[in-house]
Amino acid sequence: MLGLILVSVGTFFDELSTLLGKWRVGRNEQTIFSMAFLGLVWSTLWFLGIILYKWQFVFSLESLPTFLVRLVAEIILTHITTIAIIRSDRSTFGFVRTGTIPLLLLADLILGYTLTFSQVTGMVILVMVLLFAFLNHGLRKEGLRFVVLATLLPVLSTALYKYDITHFNSVEAEQFIVQLAMLIYLFVMAMRSSRENPLVLLTKPAFFVQSFAAGIGGVLISFAFVFAPASTVMAAKRAVAVLWAILSGNLYFREKGLIEKILLFAIVTVGIILLA
C-alpha cells in the first residue's frame, strides 16, 4: 500500500513538471535538454542529501555489470522520452506507455515473481485497448515512434534498477550516480545545441517550480520500488499518469476526443488493477 501511495503522489508532481516543461518548450523558453535537466536536478540533490544524512553510501562493485547497462539505457531513455513528450499528445503518450506494464510483468517473472491468471487477463485487456485506439484513430500518431521507444526501454532499465536495489545497492546510491551522469550529459547537450545554461534557468521562479515538482515526483517514485514489485509500481504509475495526461492534454493543449479517451482510461484502469 505504501508503494502505491508514494507512486500516486509522485506521479502527480511528475505530470505537473512535464506539463510546465512542454508548455515552455512550445514557447521557445527552453530546449528539450534543459527541460530534462531541470526535471532531474532536484531529485539528484535530494538523493545526495539522504546519503549525507545517513552518512553511508551503499554501492557494491558486484552490481557494475547490471548497473552500467542501466546507466547507458537511462541516458538514452531520458533523451528519447523528452522528445516523445514534446512531439506527442499527452494522452497518446500516457496510453501507449501502459504497454510497459505487461513487459515488466514478464521481467518480474524472470526475476522470480509468479504470473497469475488475473495478471495475464490484465495484459490482454491493455493490448486490446491499445490496438482499438490505434485502429479507430483514438490516438494521434505524431511522435509515436519516440513514444514506442520510451515504452520499451523502461522494461530494461526498471528491471535492472529493481534488481540492483534488491541485491546490491541502496536506492539513494544507485539513483544518485545514475542521475548525476544524466545531468552531466544533459548539461553538455544543452550548452552544445543552443548554448543554453540550465543552471541559469533554475534561478528563475517559473523554472524553479517546474524543476522542484519533478524532484518531488522522482524521489517518491524511486522509493516506491522498495515496497512493491516493479510491475505493480509501474502499473500504478501508468494508471495515474494516463488520467493526468488526459486532463492536462484537454485543458491546456486542446486535444480532442476527451470522452473517448476517458472511456479508454476506464478500461485501462481495469486492466491495470488486474495486473497489480
C-alpha atoms as a PDB file:
ATOM      1  CA  MET A   1       0.000   0.000   0.000  1.00  0.00           C
ATOM      2  CA  LEU A   2       2.819   2.438   0.881  1.00  0.00           C
ATOM      3  CA  GLY A   3       4.413   1.861  -2.507  1.00  0.00           C
ATOM      4  CA  LEU A   4       1.156   2.713  -4.289  1.00  0.00           C
ATOM      5  CA  ILE A   5       0.690   5.877  -2.225  1.00  0.00           C
ATOM      6  CA  LEU A   6       4.226   7.045  -2.990  1.00  0.00           C
ATOM      7  CA  VAL A   7       3.899   6.425  -6.710  1.00  0.00           C
ATOM      8  CA  SER A   8       0.453   8.060  -6.914  1.00  0.00           C
ATOM      9  CA  VAL A   9       1.589  11.294  -5.259  1.00  0.00           C
ATOM     10  CA  GLY A  10       4.896  11.230  -7.130  1.00  0.00           C
ATOM     11  CA  THR A  11       3.158  10.844 -10.493  1.00  0.00           C
ATOM     12  CA  PHE A  12       1.033  13.946  -9.843  1.00  0.00           C
ATOM     13  CA  PHE A  13       4.119  16.112  -9.317  1.00  0.00           C
ATOM     14  CA  ASP A  14       5.872  14.480 -12.273  1.00  0.00           C
ATOM     15  CA  GLU A  15       2.959  15.284 -14.598  1.00  0.00           C
ATOM     16  CA  LEU A  16       2.834  18.868 -13.288  1.00  0.00           C
ATOM     17  CA  SER A  17       6.500  19.341 -14.138  1.00  0.00           C
ATOM     18  CA  THR A  18       6.035  17.730 -17.565  1.00  0.00           C
ATOM     19  CA  LEU A  19       3.070  19.984 -18.310  1.00  0.00           C
ATOM     20  CA  LEU A  20       5.038  23.122 -17.439  1.00  0.00           C
ATOM     21  CA  GLY A  21       8.103  21.927 -19.343  1.00  0.00           C
ATOM     22  CA  LYS A  22       6.215  21.061 -22.538  1.00  0.00           C
ATOM     23  CA  TRP A  23       4.422  24.408 -22.456  1.00  0.00           C
ATOM     24  CA  ARG A  24       7.692  26.336 -22.122  1.00  0.00           C
ATOM     25  CA  VAL A  25       9.444  24.358 -24.848  1.00  0.00           C
ATOM     26  CA  GLY A  26       6.489  25.178 -27.103  1.00  0.00           C
ATOM     27  CA  ARG A  27       7.057  28.872 -26.325  1.00  0.00           C
ATOM     28  CA  ASN A  28      10.808  28.504 -27.058  1.00  0.00           C
ATOM     29  CA  GLU A  29      11.659  29.450 -23.486  1.00  0.00           C
ATOM     30  CA  GLN A  30      13.843  26.367 -23.012  1.00  0.00           C
ATOM     31  CA  THR A  31      15.291  23.467 -25.016  1.00  0.00           C
ATOM     32  CA  ILE A  32      14.332  19.831 -24.509  1.00  0.00           C
ATOM     33  CA  PHE A  33      17.726  19.220 -22.884  1.00  0.00           C
ATOM     34  CA  SER A  34      17.206  21.973 -20.334  1.00  0.00           C
ATOM     35  CA  MET A  35      13.723  20.614 -19.666  1.00  0.00           C
ATOM     36  CA  ALA A  36      15.155  17.168 -18.906  1.00  0.00           C
ATOM     37  CA  PHE A  37      17.969  18.697 -16.822  1.00  0.00           C
ATOM     38  CA  LEU A  38      15.529  20.670 -14.689  1.00  0.00           C
ATOM     39  CA  GLY A  39      13.472  17.519 -14.237  1.00  0.00           C
ATOM     40  CA  LEU A  40      16.387  15.681 -12.623  1.00  0.00           C
ATOM     41  CA  VAL A  41      18.420  18.240 -10.722  1.00  0.00           C
ATOM     42  CA  TRP A  42      16.366  18.404  -7.505  1.00  0.00           C
ATOM     43  CA  SER A  43      15.844  14.678  -7.089  1.00  0.00           C
ATOM     44  CA  THR A  44      19.596  14.213  -7.578  1.00  0.00           C
ATOM     45  CA  LEU A  45      20.315  16.733  -4.822  1.00  0.00           C
ATOM     46  CA  TRP A  46      17.792  15.054  -2.526  1.00  0.00           C
ATOM     47  CA  PHE A  47      19.391  11.645  -3.059  1.00  0.00           C
ATOM     48  CA  LEU A  48      22.721  13.256  -2.164  1.00  0.00           C
ATOM     49  CA  GLY A  49      21.111  14.750   0.931  1.00  0.00           C
ATOM     50  CA  ILE A  50      19.836  11.317   2.008  1.00  0.00           C
ATOM     51  CA  ILE A  51      23.334   9.869   1.571  1.00  0.00           C
ATOM     52  CA  LEU A  52      24.855  12.648   3.676  1.00  0.00           C
ATOM     53  CA  TYR A  53      22.129  12.355   6.320  1.00  0.00           C
ATOM     54  CA  LYS A  54      22.655   8.603   6.674  1.00  0.00           C
ATOM     55  CA  TRP A  55      26.403   9.096   6.254  1.00  0.00           C
ATOM     56  CA  GLN A  56      26.664   5.881   4.269  1.00  0.00           C
ATOM     57  CA  PHE A  57      26.999   5.047   0.598  1.00  0.00           C
ATOM     58  CA  VAL A  58      25.754   1.531  -0.125  1.00  0.00           C
ATOM     59  CA  PHE A  59      27.093   0.625  -3.562  1.00  0.00           C
ATOM     60  CA  SER A  60      28.521  -2.787  -4.425  1.00  0.00           C
ATOM     61  CA  LEU A  61      31.105  -3.245  -7.174  1.00  0.00           C
ATOM     62  CA  GLU A  62      29.402  -6.563  -7.893  1.00  0.00           C
ATOM     63  CA  SER A  63      26.492  -4.573  -9.332  1.00  0.00           C
ATOM     64  CA  LEU A  64      28.622  -2.986 -12.080  1.00  0.00           C
ATOM     65  CA  PRO A  65      27.580  -5.394 -14.890  1.00  0.00           C
ATOM     66  CA  THR A  66      23.878  -4.559 -14.437  1.00  0.00           C
ATOM     67  CA  PHE A  67      24.457  -1.007 -13.227  1.00  0.00           C
ATOM     68  CA  LEU A  68      26.492   0.096 -16.267  1.00  0.00           C
ATOM     69  CA  VAL A  69      23.925  -1.338 -18.681  1.00  0.00           C
ATOM     70  CA  ARG A  70      21.200   0.501 -16.782  1.00  0.00           C
ATOM     71  CA  LEU A  71      23.195   3.748 -16.833  1.00  0.00           C
ATOM     72  CA  VAL A  72      23.512   3.718 -20.617  1.00  0.00           C
ATOM     73  CA  ALA A  73      19.857   2.724 -21.011  1.00  0.00           C
ATOM     74  CA  GLU A  74      18.700   5.565 -18.715  1.00  0.00           C
ATOM     75  CA  ILE A  75      20.631   8.217 -20.657  1.00  0.00           C
ATOM     76  CA  ILE A  76      19.170   7.002 -23.957  1.00  0.00           C
ATOM     77  CA  LEU A  77      15.712   6.732 -22.378  1.00  0.00           C
ATOM     78  CA  THR A  78      15.812  10.270 -20.984  1.00  0.00           C
ATOM     79  CA  HIS A  79      16.776  11.681 -24.383  1.00  0.00           C
ATOM     80  CA  ILE A  80      14.053   9.769 -26.245  1.00  0.00           C
ATOM     81  CA  THR A  81      11.350  10.330 -23.614  1.00  0.00           C
ATOM     82  CA  THR A  82      11.891  14.092 -23.634  1.00  0.00           C
ATOM     83  CA  ILE A  83      11.489  14.168 -27.432  1.00  0.00           C
ATOM     84  CA  ALA A  84       8.366  11.990 -27.127  1.00  0.00           C
ATOM     85  CA  ILE A  85       6.833  14.359 -24.550  1.00  0.00           C
ATOM     86  CA  ILE A  86       7.303  17.346 -26.830  1.00  0.00           C
ATOM     87  CA  ARG A  87       6.194  15.766 -30.113  1.00  0.00           C
ATOM     88  CA  SER A  88       3.214  13.677 -28.973  1.00  0.00           C
ATOM     89  CA  ASP A  89      -0.164  14.385 -27.382  1.00  0.00           C
ATOM     90  CA  ARG A  90      -0.158  13.985 -23.613  1.00  0.00           C
ATOM     91  CA  SER A  91      -2.948  11.390 -23.791  1.00  0.00           C
ATOM     92  CA  THR A  92      -1.212   9.440 -26.574  1.00  0.00           C
ATOM     93  CA  PHE A  93       1.971   9.443 -24.527  1.00  0.00           C
ATOM     94  CA  GLY A  94       0.135   8.196 -21.443  1.00  0.00           C
ATOM     95  CA  PHE A  95      -1.871   5.463 -23.169  1.00  0.00           C
ATOM     96  CA  VAL A  96       0.936   3.954 -25.233  1.00  0.00           C
ATOM     97  CA  ARG A  97       3.313   3.814 -22.288  1.00  0.00           C
ATOM     98  CA  THR A  98       0.944   1.469 -20.475  1.00  0.00           C
ATOM     99  CA  GLY A  99       2.496  -1.109 -22.797  1.00  0.00           C
ATOM    100  CA  THR A 100       5.482  -1.119 -20.453  1.00  0.00           C
ATOM    101  CA  ILE A 101       3.425  -2.910 -17.786  1.00  0.00           C
ATOM    102  CA  PRO A 102       2.888  -6.336 -19.400  1.00  0.00           C
ATOM    103  CA  LEU A 103       6.510  -6.369 -20.498  1.00  0.00           C
ATOM    104  CA  LEU A 104       7.609  -5.619 -16.943  1.00  0.00           C
ATOM    105  CA  LEU A 105       5.430  -8.456 -15.698  1.00  0.00           C
ATOM    106  CA  LEU A 106       7.408 -10.806 -17.887  1.00  0.00           C
ATOM    107  CA  ALA A 107      10.618  -9.336 -16.468  1.00  0.00           C
ATOM    108  CA  ASP A 108       9.282  -9.865 -12.936  1.00  0.00           C
ATOM    109  CA  LEU A 109       8.534 -13.467 -13.888  1.00  0.00           C
ATOM    110  CA  ILE A 110      12.143 -13.930 -14.927  1.00  0.00           C
ATOM    111  CA  LEU A 111      13.281 -12.384 -11.627  1.00  0.00           C
ATOM    112  CA  GLY A 112      11.208 -14.892  -9.657  1.00  0.00           C
ATOM    113  CA  TYR A 113       7.696 -13.426  -9.293  1.00  0.00           C
ATOM    114  CA  THR A 114       4.663 -15.572 -10.117  1.00  0.00           C
ATOM    115  CA  LEU A 115       2.400 -14.594 -13.024  1.00  0.00           C
ATOM    116  CA  THR A 116      -1.270 -15.101 -12.082  1.00  0.00           C
ATOM    117  CA  PHE A 117      -4.340 -15.609 -14.268  1.00  0.00           C
ATOM    118  CA  SER A 118      -5.633 -12.116 -13.419  1.00  0.00           C
ATOM    119  CA  GLN A 119      -2.332 -10.577 -14.496  1.00  0.00           C
ATOM    120  CA  VAL A 120      -2.478 -12.411 -17.819  1.00  0.00           C
ATOM    121  CA  THR A 121      -6.049 -11.136 -18.239  1.00  0.00           C
ATOM    122  CA  GLY A 122      -4.887  -7.597 -17.454  1.00  0.00           C
ATOM    123  CA  MET A 123      -2.165  -7.822 -20.093  1.00  0.00           C
ATOM    124  CA  VAL A 124      -4.676  -8.956 -22.716  1.00  0.00           C
ATOM    125  CA  ILE A 125      -7.009  -6.038 -21.838  1.00  0.00           C
ATOM    126  CA  LEU A 126      -4.212  -3.474 -22.168  1.00  0.00           C
ATOM    127  CA  VAL A 127      -3.067  -4.837 -25.513  1.00  0.00           C
ATOM    128  CA  MET A 128      -6.635  -4.900 -26.861  1.00  0.00           C
ATOM    129  CA  VAL A 129      -7.319  -1.315 -25.720  1.00  0.00           C
ATOM    130  CA  LEU A 130      -4.175  -0.023 -27.410  1.00  0.00           C
ATOM    131  CA  LEU A 131      -4.984  -1.869 -30.635  1.00  0.00           C
ATOM    132  CA  PHE A 132      -8.540  -0.488 -30.573  1.00  0.00           C
ATOM    133  CA  ALA A 133      -7.280   3.049 -30.016  1.00  0.00           C
ATOM    134  CA  PHE A 134      -4.915   2.898 -32.979  1.00  0.00           C
ATOM    135  CA  LEU A 135      -7.295   1.152 -35.361  1.00  0.00           C
ATOM    136  CA  ASN A 136     -10.041   3.670 -34.590  1.00  0.00           C
ATOM    137  CA  HIS A 137      -7.737   6.696 -34.618  1.00  0.00           C
ATOM    138  CA  GLY A 138      -8.404   7.412 -30.966  1.00  0.00           C
ATOM    139  CA  LEU A 139      -4.790   8.442 -30.558  1.00  0.00           C
ATOM    140  CA  ARG A 140      -2.702  10.690 -32.763  1.00  0.00           C
ATOM    141  CA  LYS A 141       0.319   9.163 -34.498  1.00  0.00           C
ATOM    142  CA  GLU A 142       2.548  12.245 -34.302  1.00  0.00           C
ATOM    143  CA  GLY A 143       5.729  11.440 -32.367  1.00  0.00           C
ATOM    144  CA  LEU A 144       4.571   7.833 -31.973  1.00  0.00           C
ATOM    145  CA  ARG A 145       7.901   6.171 -32.752  1.00  0.00           C
ATOM    146  CA  PHE A 146       9.547   8.046 -29.896  1.00  0.00           C
ATOM    147  CA  VAL A 147       6.693   7.113 -27.556  1.00  0.00           C
ATOM    148  CA  VAL A 148       7.080   3.433 -28.508  1.00  0.00           C
ATOM    149  CA  LEU A 149      10.809   3.553 -27.784  1.00  0.00           C
ATOM    150  CA  ALA A 150      10.050   5.316 -24.486  1.00  0.00           C
ATOM    151  CA  THR A 151       7.715   2.411 -23.717  1.00  0.00           C
ATOM    152  CA  LEU A 152      10.174  -0.381 -24.477  1.00  0.00           C
ATOM    153  CA  LEU A 153      13.351   0.952 -22.855  1.00  0.00           C
ATOM    154  CA  PRO A 154      11.897   1.254 -19.312  1.00  0.00           C
ATOM    155  CA  VAL A 155      11.415  -2.516 -19.297  1.00  0.00           C
ATOM    156  CA  LEU A 156      15.180  -2.966 -19.311  1.00  0.00           C
ATOM    157  CA  SER A 157      16.086  -0.017 -17.092  1.00  0.00           C
ATOM    158  CA  THR A 158      13.372  -0.660 -14.487  1.00  0.00           C
ATOM    159  CA  ALA A 159      14.121  -4.380 -14.240  1.00  0.00           C
ATOM    160  CA  LEU A 160      17.831  -3.640 -13.747  1.00  0.00           C
ATOM    161  CA  TYR A 161      17.042  -0.942 -11.172  1.00  0.00           C
ATOM    162  CA  LYS A 162      14.799  -3.284  -9.175  1.00  0.00           C
ATOM    163  CA  TYR A 163      17.463  -5.998  -9.340  1.00  0.00           C
ATOM    164  CA  ASP A 164      20.239  -3.659  -8.171  1.00  0.00           C
ATOM    165  CA  ILE A 165      18.373  -2.216  -5.170  1.00  0.00           C
ATOM    166  CA  THR A 166      17.179  -5.699  -4.177  1.00  0.00           C
ATOM    167  CA  HIS A 167      20.584  -7.400  -4.248  1.00  0.00           C
ATOM    168  CA  PHE A 168      23.316  -4.760  -4.160  1.00  0.00           C
ATOM    169  CA  ASN A 169      22.769  -1.030  -3.757  1.00  0.00           C
ATOM    170  CA  SER A 170      20.662   1.397  -1.748  1.00  0.00           C
ATOM    171  CA  VAL A 171      18.056   3.450  -3.607  1.00  0.00           C
ATOM    172  CA  GLU A 172      19.847   6.725  -2.952  1.00  0.00           C
ATOM    173  CA  ALA A 173      23.296   5.484  -4.024  1.00  0.00           C
ATOM    174  CA  GLU A 174      22.046   3.858  -7.237  1.00  0.00           C
ATOM    175  CA  GLN A 175      19.896   6.828  -8.213  1.00  0.00           C
ATOM    176  CA  PHE A 176      22.436   9.498  -7.295  1.00  0.00           C
ATOM    177  CA  ILE A 177      25.141   8.066  -9.545  1.00  0.00           C
ATOM    178  CA  VAL A 178      22.779   7.431 -12.466  1.00  0.00           C
ATOM    179  CA  GLN A 179      21.126  10.837 -12.287  1.00  0.00           C
ATOM    180  CA  LEU A 180      24.420  12.683 -11.826  1.00  0.00           C
ATOM    181  CA  ALA A 181      25.713  11.096 -15.046  1.00  0.00           C
ATOM    182  CA  MET A 182      22.461  12.035 -16.791  1.00  0.00           C
ATOM    183  CA  LEU A 183      22.708  15.634 -15.564  1.00  0.00           C
ATOM    184  CA  ILE A 184      26.232  15.951 -16.953  1.00  0.00           C
ATOM    185  CA  TYR A 185      25.072  14.590 -20.305  1.00  0.00           C
ATOM    186  CA  LEU A 186      22.040  16.901 -20.473  1.00  0.00           C
ATOM    187  CA  PHE A 187      24.031  19.966 -19.401  1.00  0.00           C
ATOM    188  CA  VAL A 188      26.621  19.351 -22.137  1.00  0.00           C
ATOM    189  CA  MET A 189      23.885  18.798 -24.737  1.00  0.00           C
ATOM    190  CA  ALA A 190      22.036  21.981 -23.723  1.00  0.00           C
ATOM    191  CA  MET A 191      25.204  24.070 -23.952  1.00  0.00           C
ATOM    192  CA  ARG A 192      26.324  22.407 -27.172  1.00  0.00           C
ATOM    193  CA  SER A 193      22.988  22.563 -29.032  1.00  0.00           C
ATOM    194  CA  SER A 194      21.919  26.102 -28.162  1.00  0.00           C
ATOM    195  CA  ARG A 195      24.425  27.483 -25.622  1.00  0.00           C
ATOM    196  CA  GLU A 196      21.622  27.441 -23.033  1.00  0.00           C
ATOM    197  CA  ASN A 197      22.756  27.106 -19.413  1.00  0.00           C
ATOM    198  CA  PRO A 198      20.097  25.161 -17.453  1.00  0.00           C
ATOM    199  CA  LEU A 199      21.570  26.377 -14.159  1.00  0.00           C
ATOM    200  CA  VAL A 200      20.728  29.964 -15.115  1.00  0.00           C
ATOM    201  CA  LEU A 201      17.125  28.920 -15.812  1.00  0.00           C
ATOM    202  CA  LEU A 202      16.975  27.315 -12.383  1.00  0.00           C
ATOM    203  CA  THR A 203      17.378  30.758 -10.760  1.00  0.00           C
ATOM    204  CA  LYS A 204      14.090  31.936 -12.334  1.00  0.00           C
ATOM    205  CA  PRO A 205      10.956  31.265 -10.198  1.00  0.00           C
ATOM    206  CA  ALA A 206       8.869  29.731 -13.013  1.00  0.00           C
ATOM    207  CA  PHE A 207      11.546  27.204 -13.938  1.00  0.00           C
ATOM    208  CA  PHE A 208      12.301  26.558 -10.269  1.00  0.00           C
ATOM    209  CA  VAL A 209       8.710  25.374  -9.716  1.00  0.00           C
ATOM    210  CA  GLN A 210       8.922  23.130 -12.785  1.00  0.00           C
ATOM    211  CA  SER A 211      12.159  21.602 -11.522  1.00  0.00           C
ATOM    212  CA  PHE A 212      11.101  21.304  -7.867  1.00  0.00           C
ATOM    213  CA  ALA A 213       7.887  19.455  -8.768  1.00  0.00           C
ATOM    214  CA  ALA A 214       9.864  16.950 -10.845  1.00  0.00           C
ATOM    215  CA  GLY A 215      12.254  16.468  -7.938  1.00  0.00           C
ATOM    216  CA  ILE A 216       9.456  15.528  -5.549  1.00  0.00           C
ATOM    217  CA  GLY A 217       7.962  13.109  -8.064  1.00  0.00           C
ATOM    218  CA  GLY A 218      11.295  11.477  -8.884  1.00  0.00           C
ATOM    219  CA  VAL A 219      12.209  10.748  -5.280  1.00  0.00           C
ATOM    220  CA  LEU A 220       8.784   9.396  -4.280  1.00  0.00           C
ATOM    221  CA  ILE A 221       8.556   7.094  -7.299  1.00  0.00           C
ATOM    222  CA  SER A 222      12.117   5.829  -6.810  1.00  0.00           C
ATOM    223  CA  PHE A 223      11.428   4.728  -3.228  1.00  0.00           C
ATOM    224  CA  ALA A 224       8.103   3.134  -4.209  1.00  0.00           C
ATOM    225  CA  PHE A 225      10.053   0.316  -5.869  1.00  0.00           C
ATOM    226  CA  VAL A 226      11.366  -0.729  -2.449  1.00  0.00           C
ATOM    227  CA  PHE A 227       7.864  -1.632  -1.248  1.00  0.00           C
ATOM    228  CA  ALA A 228       6.380  -3.447  -4.261  1.00  0.00           C
ATOM    229  CA  PRO A 229       7.304  -5.418  -7.406  1.00  0.00           C
ATOM    230  CA  ALA A 230       8.404  -3.306 -10.357  1.00  0.00           C
ATOM    231  CA  SER A 231       5.336  -4.228 -12.403  1.00  0.00           C
ATOM    232  CA  THR A 232       2.954  -3.208  -9.595  1.00  0.00           C
ATOM    233  CA  VAL A 233       4.642   0.161  -9.104  1.00  0.00           C
ATOM    234  CA  MET A 234       4.727   0.799 -12.836  1.00  0.00           C
ATOM    235  CA  ALA A 235       1.071  -0.204 -13.149  1.00  0.00           C
ATOM    236  CA  ALA A 236       0.040   2.369 -10.551  1.00  0.00           C
ATOM    237  CA  LYS A 237       2.309   4.980 -12.110  1.00  0.00           C
ATOM    238  CA  ARG A 238       0.955   4.443 -15.620  1.00  0.00           C
ATOM    239  CA  ALA A 239      -2.688   4.447 -14.458  1.00  0.00           C
ATOM    240  CA  VAL A 240      -2.380   7.779 -12.661  1.00  0.00           C
ATOM    241  CA  ALA A 241      -0.204   9.177 -15.451  1.00  0.00           C
ATOM    242  CA  VAL A 242      -2.843   8.350 -18.089  1.00  0.00           C
ATOM    243  CA  LEU A 243      -5.505  10.218 -16.137  1.00  0.00           C
ATOM    244  CA  TRP A 244      -3.355  13.306 -15.568  1.00  0.00           C
ATOM    245  CA  ALA A 245      -2.187  13.232 -19.192  1.00  0.00           C
ATOM    246  CA  ILE A 246      -5.781  13.142 -20.479  1.00  0.00           C
ATOM    247  CA  LEU A 247      -6.807  16.059 -18.262  1.00  0.00           C
ATOM    248  CA  SER A 248      -3.753  18.201 -18.992  1.00  0.00           C
ATOM    249  CA  GLY A 249      -3.940  17.425 -22.722  1.00  0.00           C
ATOM    250  CA  ASN A 250      -7.572  18.547 -22.869  1.00  0.00           C
ATOM    251  CA  LEU A 251      -7.321  21.585 -20.577  1.00  0.00           C
ATOM    252  CA  TYR A 252      -4.006  23.061 -21.688  1.00  0.00           C
ATOM    253  CA  PHE A 253      -3.270  21.678 -25.163  1.00  0.00           C
ATOM    254  CA  ARG A 254      -6.855  21.484 -26.509  1.00  0.00           C
ATOM    255  CA  GLU A 255      -6.553  17.822 -27.503  1.00  0.00           C
ATOM    256  CA  LYS A 256      -9.734  16.288 -28.957  1.00  0.00           C
ATOM    257  CA  GLY A 257     -11.724  13.151 -28.133  1.00  0.00           C
ATOM    258  CA  LEU A 258     -11.945  13.665 -24.356  1.00  0.00           C
ATOM    259  CA  ILE A 259     -14.965  11.360 -23.825  1.00  0.00           C
ATOM    260  CA  GLU A 260     -13.459   8.525 -25.860  1.00  0.00           C
ATOM    261  CA  LYS A 261     -10.157   8.844 -24.032  1.00  0.00           C
ATOM    262  CA  ILE A 262     -11.838   8.776 -20.628  1.00  0.00           C
ATOM    263  CA  LEU A 263     -13.671   5.585 -21.625  1.00  0.00           C
ATOM    264  CA  LEU A 264     -10.379   4.066 -22.739  1.00  0.00           C
ATOM    265  CA  PHE A 265      -8.833   5.176 -19.453  1.00  0.00           C
ATOM    266  CA  ALA A 266     -11.571   3.372 -17.509  1.00  0.00           C
ATOM    267  CA  ILE A 267     -10.879   0.132 -19.383  1.00  0.00           C
ATOM    268  CA  VAL A 268      -7.121   0.572 -18.997  1.00  0.00           C
ATOM    269  CA  THR A 269      -7.625   1.052 -15.250  1.00  0.00           C
ATOM    270  CA  VAL A 270      -9.448  -2.286 -15.045  1.00  0.00           C
ATOM    271  CA  GLY A 271      -6.565  -3.960 -16.833  1.00  0.00           C
ATOM    272  CA  ILE A 272      -4.021  -2.321 -14.551  1.00  0.00           C
ATOM    273  CA  ILE A 273      -5.944  -3.357 -11.429  1.00  0.00           C
ATOM    274  CA  LEU A 274      -5.837  -6.955 -12.642  1.00  0.00           C
ATOM    275  CA  LEU A 275      -2.106  -6.635 -13.299  1.00  0.00           C
ATOM    276  CA  ALA A 276      -1.406  -5.261  -9.835  1.00  0.00           C
END
